[in-house]
């Protein structure tokens, strides 16, 4: 097991479940489609890494919105985002 901090997010869980579906590509195939390594995808689904904003946008597009950019926010970030959305009306 690695010493890296686990940053399991909603995005990690949803992407893992999406990739586990029979019709989904392998991690390696998905990695090619979004321009990262298979290792990066593995780290994302295990909660050891979050994607860059650009990669999160590609993931959202490739998963047809199953995993949205804001799914990668941690609990504190998601709470702030939610507060800002409410304030903006």
Protein backbone atom coordinates (compact mmCIF):
# COMPACT_ATOMS: atom_id res chain seq x y z
CA UNK A 1 0.00 0.00 0.00
CA UNK A 2 1.24 3.47 -0.85
CA UNK A 3 1.88 6.30 1.59
CA UNK A 4 -0.09 8.68 -0.61
CA UNK A 5 -3.10 10.36 0.95
CA UNK A 6 -6.38 8.92 -0.19
CA UNK A 7 -8.62 11.62 -1.69
CA UNK A 8 -11.61 9.41 -2.50
CA UNK A 9 -14.24 11.65 -4.04
CA UNK A 10 -17.62 11.12 -5.58
CA UNK A 11 -15.81 11.24 -8.94
CA UNK A 12 -13.54 8.37 -7.90
CA UNK A 13 -16.48 6.17 -6.96
CA UNK A 14 -18.62 7.03 -9.99
CA UNK A 15 -15.74 6.57 -12.45
CA UNK A 16 -14.85 3.21 -10.88
CA UNK A 17 -18.46 2.04 -11.21
CA UNK A 18 -18.70 3.41 -14.77
CA UNK A 19 -15.52 1.60 -15.82
CA UNK A 20 -16.76 -1.63 -14.20
CA UNK A 21 -19.74 -1.77 -16.54
CA UNK A 22 -19.41 -4.44 -19.20
CA UNK A 23 -19.75 -2.01 -22.11
CA UNK A 24 -17.14 0.43 -20.76
CA UNK A 25 -13.56 0.49 -22.02
CA UNK A 26 -10.69 -0.92 -19.99
CA UNK A 27 -8.75 1.49 -17.80
CA UNK A 28 -5.99 1.48 -20.42
CA UNK A 29 -8.43 2.23 -23.23
CA UNK A 30 -10.14 4.96 -21.25
CA UNK A 31 -6.77 6.48 -20.38
CA UNK A 32 -5.92 6.81 -24.07
CA UNK A 33 -9.30 8.42 -24.74
CA UNK A 34 -8.80 11.13 -22.09
CA UNK A 35 -5.06 11.59 -22.63
CA UNK A 36 -3.59 10.17 -19.43
CA UNK A 37 -1.80 6.96 -18.44
CA UNK A 38 -3.53 3.81 -17.23
CA UNK A 39 -1.71 4.36 -13.95
CA UNK A 40 -3.36 7.79 -13.61
CA UNK A 41 -6.82 6.30 -14.18
CA UNK A 42 -6.08 3.58 -11.62
CA UNK A 43 -4.97 6.22 -9.12
CA UNK A 44 -8.13 8.25 -9.76
CA UNK A 45 -10.51 5.35 -9.16
CA UNK A 46 -8.61 4.35 -6.00
CA UNK A 47 -8.72 7.90 -4.66
CA UNK A 48 -4.99 8.62 -4.82
CA UNK A 49 -5.21 11.26 -7.51
CA UNK A 50 -7.69 13.76 -8.88
CA UNK A 51 -7.65 14.78 -12.53
CA UNK A 52 -6.64 18.20 -13.77
CA UNK A 53 -9.51 20.46 -14.76
CA UNK A 54 -8.87 19.73 -18.43
CA UNK A 55 -8.87 15.97 -17.82
CA UNK A 56 -12.00 16.22 -15.64
CA UNK A 57 -13.74 17.96 -18.57
CA UNK A 58 -12.65 15.16 -20.92
CA UNK A 59 -13.87 12.54 -18.42
CA UNK A 60 -17.24 14.30 -18.23
CA UNK A 61 -17.51 14.31 -22.02
CA UNK A 62 -16.36 10.68 -22.44
CA UNK A 63 -18.73 9.38 -19.76
CA UNK A 64 -21.61 11.40 -21.27
CA UNK A 65 -22.01 13.27 -18.01
CA UNK A 66 -22.00 10.25 -15.71
CA UNK A 67 -18.96 11.79 -14.00
CA UNK A 68 -19.18 15.59 -13.93
CA UNK A 69 -16.34 17.98 -13.17
CA UNK A 70 -17.70 18.91 -9.74
CA UNK A 71 -17.74 15.22 -8.70
CA UNK A 72 -13.97 15.53 -8.18
CA UNK A 73 -14.33 18.14 -5.41
CA UNK A 74 -13.59 17.00 -1.87
CA UNK A 75 -16.24 17.56 0.82
CA UNK A 76 -14.99 21.05 1.80
CA UNK A 77 -14.73 22.17 -1.82
CA UNK A 78 -18.16 20.76 -2.64
CA UNK A 79 -19.67 22.59 0.32
CA UNK A 80 -18.15 25.90 -0.82
CA UNK A 81 -19.33 25.26 -4.38
CA UNK A 82 -22.84 24.54 -3.15
CA UNK A 83 -22.88 27.74 -1.07
CA UNK A 84 -21.72 29.79 -4.05
CA UNK A 85 -24.40 28.26 -6.28
CA UNK A 86 -27.10 29.14 -3.74
CA UNK A 87 -25.77 32.70 -3.36
CA UNK A 88 -25.70 33.17 -7.14
CA UNK A 89 -29.36 32.23 -7.28
